[in-house]
Amino acid sequence: MNEGKRQKQVASVLEKELNDIFQKLGLAMIHGTLVSIAAVKITPDLYEARVYLSCFKGDNPTEILKKVEDRAWEIKKELTARVRHQLRSMPILKFFIDDSLEYVDKMEQLFKDIKKQDEDIQHNSQTS
């Protein structure tokens, strides 16, 4: 599904402002975990914004998500104040953990394992 031009514009504005808000509210670092906005996806009707959080060096992303959700009203209040002249209505914010970095790490590890197995097979076939 392709995003429309307005969806991309709104998502871009929200992502920039949310990153600033996270810095201001002290949510950029939670329990030693660096938290940033990985992406913002807007529904076509601009009613809902899905905010994907990237957690770097974090042990428990679900705990971080809970902390952010506990302060969601404060985040939305600050965001509304910042974008009130750019948007007619404020989208509902829903927060999710972006696990794409974990997925990339898993895939890289799988490729390394496969390469090592291939090397072991080649080494064993040469020595026999």
N, C-alpha and C. Protein backbone atom coordinates (compact mmCIF):
# COMPACT_ATOMS: atom_id res chain seq x y z
N MET A 1 0.85 -1.19 0.00
CA MET A 1 0.00 0.00 0.00
C MET A 1 0.88 1.24 0.00
N ASN A 2 0.69 2.10 -0.97
CA ASN A 2 1.48 3.33 -1.08
C ASN A 2 0.88 4.43 -0.22
N GLU A 3 1.78 5.17 0.40
CA GLU A 3 1.33 6.32 1.19
C GLU A 3 1.11 7.51 0.27
N GLY A 4 0.09 8.28 0.56
CA GLY A 4 -0.15 9.49 -0.21
C GLY A 4 0.79 10.60 0.23
N LYS A 5 0.83 11.66 -0.56
CA LYS A 5 1.72 12.79 -0.27
C LYS A 5 1.41 13.41 1.09
N ARG A 6 0.13 13.61 1.38
CA ARG A 6 -0.25 14.21 2.65
C ARG A 6 0.11 13.30 3.83
N GLN A 7 -0.06 12.00 3.67
CA GLN A 7 0.32 11.05 4.72
C GLN A 7 1.81 11.18 5.03
N LYS A 8 2.62 11.23 3.98
CA LYS A 8 4.07 11.35 4.17
C LYS A 8 4.43 12.66 4.85
N GLN A 9 3.77 13.76 4.45
CA GLN A 9 4.05 15.06 5.07
C GLN A 9 3.72 15.05 6.55
N VAL A 10 2.55 14.55 6.89
CA VAL A 10 2.12 14.51 8.28
C VAL A 10 3.04 13.60 9.09
N ALA A 11 3.38 12.44 8.53
CA ALA A 11 4.27 11.50 9.23
C ALA A 11 5.63 12.14 9.48
N SER A 12 6.13 12.86 8.52
CA SER A 12 7.43 13.53 8.66
C SER A 12 7.40 14.58 9.77
N VAL A 13 6.36 15.38 9.79
CA VAL A 13 6.21 16.42 10.82
C VAL A 13 6.11 15.76 12.20
N LEU A 14 5.28 14.74 12.31
CA LEU A 14 5.11 14.07 13.59
C LEU A 14 6.40 13.41 14.06
N GLU A 15 7.12 12.78 13.16
CA GLU A 15 8.38 12.11 13.53
C GLU A 15 9.40 13.12 14.06
N LYS A 16 9.54 14.23 13.38
CA LYS A 16 10.49 15.26 13.82
C LYS A 16 10.10 15.80 15.19
N GLU A 17 8.83 16.15 15.34
CA GLU A 17 8.37 16.72 16.61
C GLU A 17 8.44 15.71 17.75
N LEU A 18 8.09 14.46 17.46
CA LEU A 18 8.15 13.43 18.49
C LEU A 18 9.58 13.18 18.97
N ASN A 19 10.54 13.20 18.06
CA ASN A 19 11.94 13.06 18.47
C ASN A 19 12.34 14.19 19.41
N ASP A 20 11.94 15.42 19.09
CA ASP A 20 12.22 16.57 19.96
C ASP A 20 11.53 16.40 21.31
N ILE A 21 10.29 15.96 21.30
CA ILE A 21 9.53 15.78 22.54
C ILE A 21 10.17 14.70 23.41
N PHE A 22 10.60 13.62 22.79
CA PHE A 22 11.25 12.56 23.56
C PHE A 22 12.51 13.08 24.25
N GLN A 23 13.26 13.93 23.55
CA GLN A 23 14.44 14.55 24.16
C GLN A 23 14.03 15.43 25.33
N LYS A 24 13.04 16.28 25.10
CA LYS A 24 12.60 17.23 26.12
C LYS A 24 12.05 16.55 27.37
N LEU A 25 11.27 15.48 27.19
CA LEU A 25 10.64 14.80 28.31
C LEU A 25 11.54 13.75 28.96
N GLY A 26 12.74 13.58 28.45
CA GLY A 26 13.65 12.61 29.02
C GLY A 26 13.33 11.17 28.65
N LEU A 27 12.60 10.99 27.57
CA LEU A 27 12.24 9.64 27.13
C LEU A 27 13.23 9.07 26.12
N ALA A 28 14.24 9.85 25.77
CA ALA A 28 15.22 9.38 24.80
C ALA A 28 16.18 8.37 25.43
N MET A 29 16.22 8.35 26.76
CA MET A 29 17.05 7.38 27.47
C MET A 29 16.23 6.83 28.63
N ILE A 30 15.85 5.56 28.53
CA ILE A 30 15.04 4.92 29.57
C ILE A 30 15.80 3.69 30.05
N HIS A 31 16.13 3.66 31.32
CA HIS A 31 16.85 2.53 31.93
C HIS A 31 18.10 2.18 31.14
N GLY A 32 18.84 3.18 30.70
CA GLY A 32 20.08 2.93 29.97
C GLY A 32 19.88 2.51 28.53
N THR A 33 18.65 2.57 28.05
CA THR A 33 18.35 2.21 26.67
C THR A 33 18.06 3.47 25.87
N LEU A 34 18.75 3.60 24.75
CA LEU A 34 18.53 4.74 23.87
C LEU A 34 17.25 4.49 23.07
N VAL A 35 16.30 5.41 23.18
CA VAL A 35 15.00 5.27 22.51
C VAL A 35 14.86 6.39 21.49
N SER A 36 14.48 6.03 20.28
CA SER A 36 14.22 7.04 19.25
C SER A 36 13.03 6.61 18.41
N ILE A 37 12.54 7.55 17.65
CA ILE A 37 11.41 7.27 16.77
C ILE A 37 11.98 6.69 15.47
N ALA A 38 11.68 5.43 15.20
CA ALA A 38 12.18 4.78 13.99
C ALA A 38 11.35 5.19 12.78
N ALA A 39 10.03 5.26 12.97
CA ALA A 39 9.14 5.62 11.86
C ALA A 39 7.78 6.01 12.42
N VAL A 40 7.07 6.78 11.63
CA VAL A 40 5.68 7.12 11.93
C VAL A 40 4.88 6.80 10.67
N LYS A 41 3.86 5.98 10.83
CA LYS A 41 2.98 5.62 9.72
C LYS A 41 1.59 6.14 10.02
N ILE A 42 1.00 6.81 9.05
CA ILE A 42 -0.31 7.44 9.20
C ILE A 42 -1.33 6.68 8.36
N THR A 43 -2.51 6.46 8.93
CA THR A 43 -3.58 5.84 8.16
C THR A 43 -4.04 6.83 7.09
N PRO A 44 -4.62 6.34 5.98
CA PRO A 44 -5.03 7.23 4.89
C PRO A 44 -6.00 8.34 5.31
N ASP A 45 -6.82 8.09 6.34
CA ASP A 45 -7.75 9.12 6.80
C ASP A 45 -7.13 10.08 7.81
N LEU A 46 -5.83 9.91 8.09
CA LEU A 46 -5.07 10.75 9.03
C LEU A 46 -5.63 10.68 10.46
N TYR A 47 -6.35 9.60 10.76
CA TYR A 47 -6.99 9.45 12.06
C TYR A 47 -6.07 8.81 13.09
N GLU A 48 -5.17 7.94 12.63
CA GLU A 48 -4.30 7.20 13.55
C GLU A 48 -2.85 7.28 13.09
N ALA A 49 -1.97 7.51 14.05
CA ALA A 49 -0.53 7.51 13.77
C ALA A 49 0.12 6.37 14.53
N ARG A 50 0.78 5.50 13.82
CA ARG A 50 1.50 4.39 14.45
C ARG A 50 2.96 4.80 14.58
N VAL A 51 3.40 4.90 15.82
CA VAL A 51 4.75 5.37 16.12
C VAL A 51 5.60 4.17 16.48
N TYR A 52 6.65 3.93 15.69
CA TYR A 52 7.53 2.79 15.92
C TYR A 52 8.78 3.27 16.64
N LEU A 53 9.03 2.67 17.82
CA LEU A 53 10.15 3.05 18.66
C LEU A 53 11.32 2.10 18.43
N SER A 54 12.49 2.68 18.27
CA SER A 54 13.70 1.90 18.14
C SER A 54 14.42 1.94 19.48
N CYS A 55 14.75 0.76 20.00
CA CYS A 55 15.43 0.66 21.30
C CYS A 55 16.81 0.09 21.07
N PHE A 56 17.82 0.89 21.36
CA PHE A 56 19.20 0.48 21.14
C PHE A 56 19.83 0.10 22.47
N LYS A 57 20.43 -1.07 22.51
CA LYS A 57 21.09 -1.59 23.71
C LYS A 57 20.10 -1.79 24.85
N GLY A 58 18.92 -2.28 24.51
CA GLY A 58 17.89 -2.46 25.53
C GLY A 58 17.68 -3.92 25.89
N ASP A 59 17.42 -4.15 27.16
CA ASP A 59 17.16 -5.51 27.62
C ASP A 59 15.68 -5.88 27.51
N ASN A 60 14.82 -4.91 27.82
CA ASN A 60 13.40 -5.23 27.90
C ASN A 60 12.57 -4.17 27.15
N PRO A 61 12.38 -4.35 25.84
CA PRO A 61 11.63 -3.36 25.07
C PRO A 61 10.17 -3.21 25.51
N THR A 62 9.57 -4.28 26.03
CA THR A 62 8.17 -4.17 26.46
C THR A 62 8.03 -3.24 27.66
N GLU A 63 9.03 -3.24 28.53
CA GLU A 63 9.02 -2.32 29.68
C GLU A 63 9.16 -0.87 29.20
N ILE A 64 9.98 -0.66 28.21
CA ILE A 64 10.17 0.68 27.64
C ILE A 64 8.88 1.14 26.97
N LEU A 65 8.24 0.25 26.24
CA LEU A 65 6.97 0.58 25.59
C LEU A 65 5.93 0.96 26.64
N LYS A 66 5.89 0.25 27.75
CA LYS A 66 4.95 0.56 28.82
C LYS A 66 5.23 1.95 29.40
N LYS A 67 6.50 2.28 29.60
CA LYS A 67 6.86 3.60 30.11
C LYS A 67 6.38 4.71 29.18
N VAL A 68 6.58 4.49 27.89
CA VAL A 68 6.15 5.49 26.89
C VAL A 68 4.63 5.59 26.89
N GLU A 69 3.95 4.46 26.91
CA GLU A 69 2.48 4.48 26.91
C GLU A 69 1.92 5.13 28.17
N ASP A 70 2.62 4.97 29.31
CA ASP A 70 2.19 5.61 30.55
C ASP A 70 2.23 7.14 30.43
N ARG A 71 3.12 7.64 29.58
CA ARG A 71 3.25 9.09 29.41
C ARG A 71 2.67 9.57 28.08
N ALA A 72 1.86 8.72 27.45
CA ALA A 72 1.30 9.04 26.13
C ALA A 72 0.47 10.32 26.15
N TRP A 73 -0.30 10.54 27.20
CA TRP A 73 -1.12 11.76 27.29
C TRP A 73 -0.24 13.00 27.30
N GLU A 74 0.89 12.92 28.00
CA GLU A 74 1.82 14.05 28.07
C GLU A 74 2.48 14.29 26.71
N ILE A 75 2.83 13.20 26.03
CA ILE A 75 3.43 13.29 24.70
C ILE A 75 2.43 13.92 23.73
N LYS A 76 1.18 13.44 23.77
CA LYS A 76 0.16 13.94 22.84
C LYS A 76 -0.15 15.42 23.12
N LYS A 77 -0.19 15.80 24.38
CA LYS A 77 -0.45 17.20 24.74
C LYS A 77 0.63 18.11 24.17
N GLU A 78 1.87 17.72 24.34
CA GLU A 78 3.00 18.50 23.83
C GLU A 78 2.98 18.53 22.30
N LEU A 79 2.70 17.39 21.69
CA LEU A 79 2.67 17.31 20.24
C LEU A 79 1.54 18.16 19.67
N THR A 80 0.39 18.12 20.31
CA THR A 80 -0.76 18.93 19.86
C THR A 80 -0.42 20.41 19.89
N ALA A 81 0.25 20.84 20.94
CA ALA A 81 0.64 22.25 21.06
C ALA A 81 1.60 22.65 19.93
N ARG A 82 2.46 21.75 19.54
CA ARG A 82 3.46 22.06 18.52
C ARG A 82 2.90 22.06 17.09
N VAL A 83 1.92 21.21 16.80
CA VAL A 83 1.45 21.07 15.42
C VAL A 83 0.04 21.60 15.21
N ARG A 84 -0.50 22.32 16.16
CA ARG A 84 -1.91 22.75 16.08
C ARG A 84 -2.19 23.64 14.87
N HIS A 85 -1.17 24.35 14.36
CA HIS A 85 -1.38 25.20 13.19
C HIS A 85 -1.15 24.46 11.87
N GLN A 86 -0.66 23.22 11.96
CA GLN A 86 -0.37 22.46 10.75
C GLN A 86 -1.39 21.37 10.47
N LEU A 87 -2.11 20.92 11.50
CA LEU A 87 -3.09 19.84 11.35
C LEU A 87 -4.45 20.29 11.86
N ARG A 88 -5.49 19.85 11.17
CA ARG A 88 -6.85 20.18 11.63
C ARG A 88 -7.20 19.41 12.89
N SER A 89 -6.85 18.13 12.91
CA SER A 89 -7.09 17.32 14.10
C SER A 89 -5.87 16.46 14.38
N MET A 90 -5.68 16.17 15.64
CA MET A 90 -4.53 15.39 16.06
C MET A 90 -4.83 13.90 15.93
N PRO A 91 -3.98 13.15 15.23
CA PRO A 91 -4.22 11.71 15.11
C PRO A 91 -4.06 11.01 16.47
N ILE A 92 -4.71 9.88 16.60
CA ILE A 92 -4.53 9.04 17.79
C ILE A 92 -3.15 8.41 17.67
N LEU A 93 -2.37 8.48 18.75
CA LEU A 93 -1.03 7.91 18.74
C LEU A 93 -1.06 6.49 19.30
N LYS A 94 -0.48 5.58 18.55
CA LYS A 94 -0.31 4.20 19.01
C LYS A 94 1.16 3.86 18.89
N PHE A 95 1.73 3.34 19.97
CA PHE A 95 3.16 3.07 20.02
C PHE A 95 3.44 1.58 19.85
N PHE A 96 4.51 1.29 19.08
CA PHE A 96 4.94 -0.07 18.83
C PHE A 96 6.46 -0.11 18.90
N ILE A 97 7.00 -1.28 19.21
CA ILE A 97 8.45 -1.46 19.19
C ILE A 97 8.84 -1.86 17.77
N ASP A 98 9.84 -1.17 17.23
CA ASP A 98 10.37 -1.50 15.91
C ASP A 98 11.43 -2.58 16.10
N ASP A 99 11.15 -3.77 15.63
CA ASP A 99 12.09 -4.87 15.82
C ASP A 99 12.91 -5.17 14.56
N SER A 100 12.99 -4.23 13.66
CA SER A 100 13.72 -4.47 12.41
C SER A 100 15.22 -4.66 12.66
N LEU A 101 15.78 -3.97 13.67
CA LEU A 101 17.20 -4.16 13.97
C LEU A 101 17.46 -5.57 14.49
N GLU A 102 16.57 -6.07 15.33
CA GLU A 102 16.70 -7.44 15.82
C GLU A 102 16.61 -8.42 14.67
N TYR A 103 15.70 -8.17 13.75
CA TYR A 103 15.53 -9.04 12.60
C TYR A 103 16.80 -9.06 11.75
N VAL A 104 17.38 -7.90 11.52
CA VAL A 104 18.63 -7.81 10.74
C VAL A 104 19.74 -8.57 11.45
N ASP A 105 19.85 -8.40 12.77
CA ASP A 105 20.87 -9.12 13.53
C ASP A 105 20.69 -10.63 13.42
N LYS A 106 19.46 -11.10 13.53
CA LYS A 106 19.19 -12.54 13.41
C LYS A 106 19.57 -13.06 12.04
N MET A 107 19.20 -12.30 11.00
CA MET A 107 19.52 -12.73 9.63
C MET A 107 21.03 -12.77 9.41
N GLU A 108 21.75 -11.75 9.90
CA GLU A 108 23.20 -11.74 9.76
C GLU A 108 23.82 -12.94 10.47
N GLN A 109 23.31 -13.26 11.66
CA GLN A 109 23.83 -14.41 12.40
C GLN A 109 23.56 -15.71 11.65
N LEU A 110 22.37 -15.83 11.05
CA LEU A 110 22.06 -17.02 10.26
C LEU A 110 23.02 -17.16 9.07
N PHE A 111 23.28 -16.05 8.38
CA PHE A 111 24.20 -16.10 7.24
C PHE A 111 25.61 -16.48 7.69
N LYS A 112 26.04 -15.96 8.82
CA LYS A 112 27.36 -16.31 9.35
C LYS A 112 27.43 -17.80 9.68
N ASP A 113 26.35 -18.32 10.29
CA ASP A 113 26.30 -19.74 10.64
C ASP A 113 26.36 -20.61 9.39
N ILE A 114 25.61 -20.21 8.36
CA ILE A 114 25.60 -20.97 7.11
C ILE A 114 26.99 -20.95 6.47
N LYS A 115 27.61 -19.79 6.47
CA LYS A 115 28.95 -19.66 5.88
C LYS A 115 29.95 -20.54 6.63
N LYS A 116 29.86 -20.54 7.96
CA LYS A 116 30.76 -21.35 8.77
C LYS A 116 30.53 -22.84 8.50
N GLN A 117 29.28 -23.25 8.38
CA GLN A 117 28.97 -24.65 8.07
C GLN A 117 29.54 -25.04 6.70
N ASP A 118 29.39 -24.14 5.72
CA ASP A 118 29.95 -24.40 4.38
C ASP A 118 31.46 -24.56 4.44
N GLU A 119 32.11 -23.66 5.21
CA GLU A 119 33.56 -23.73 5.35
C GLU A 119 33.97 -25.04 6.03
N ASP A 120 33.23 -25.44 7.05
CA ASP A 120 33.53 -26.70 7.75
C ASP A 120 33.37 -27.89 6.81
N ILE A 121 32.31 -27.88 6.00
CA ILE A 121 32.07 -28.96 5.05
C ILE A 121 33.20 -29.02 4.03
N GLN A 122 33.61 -27.87 3.51
CA GLN A 122 34.70 -27.83 2.53
C GLN A 122 36.00 -28.30 3.16
N HIS A 123 36.24 -27.87 4.38
CA HIS A 123 37.48 -28.26 5.07
C HIS A 123 37.50 -29.77 5.32
N ASN A 124 36.36 -30.34 5.74
CA ASN A 124 36.27 -31.77 5.99
C ASN A 124 36.41 -32.58 4.71
N SER A 125 35.84 -32.08 3.61
CA SER A 125 35.93 -32.82 2.34
C SER A 125 37.35 -32.77 1.77
N GLN A 126 38.10 -31.72 2.06
CA GLN A 126 39.48 -31.61 1.57
C GLN A 126 40.43 -32.51 2.37
N THR A 127 40.15 -32.67 3.65
CA THR A 127 41.02 -33.48 4.49
C THR A 127 40.76 -34.97 4.36
N SER A 128 39.62 -35.37 3.82
CA SER A 128 39.32 -36.79 3.69
C SER A 128 39.88 -37.40 2.45
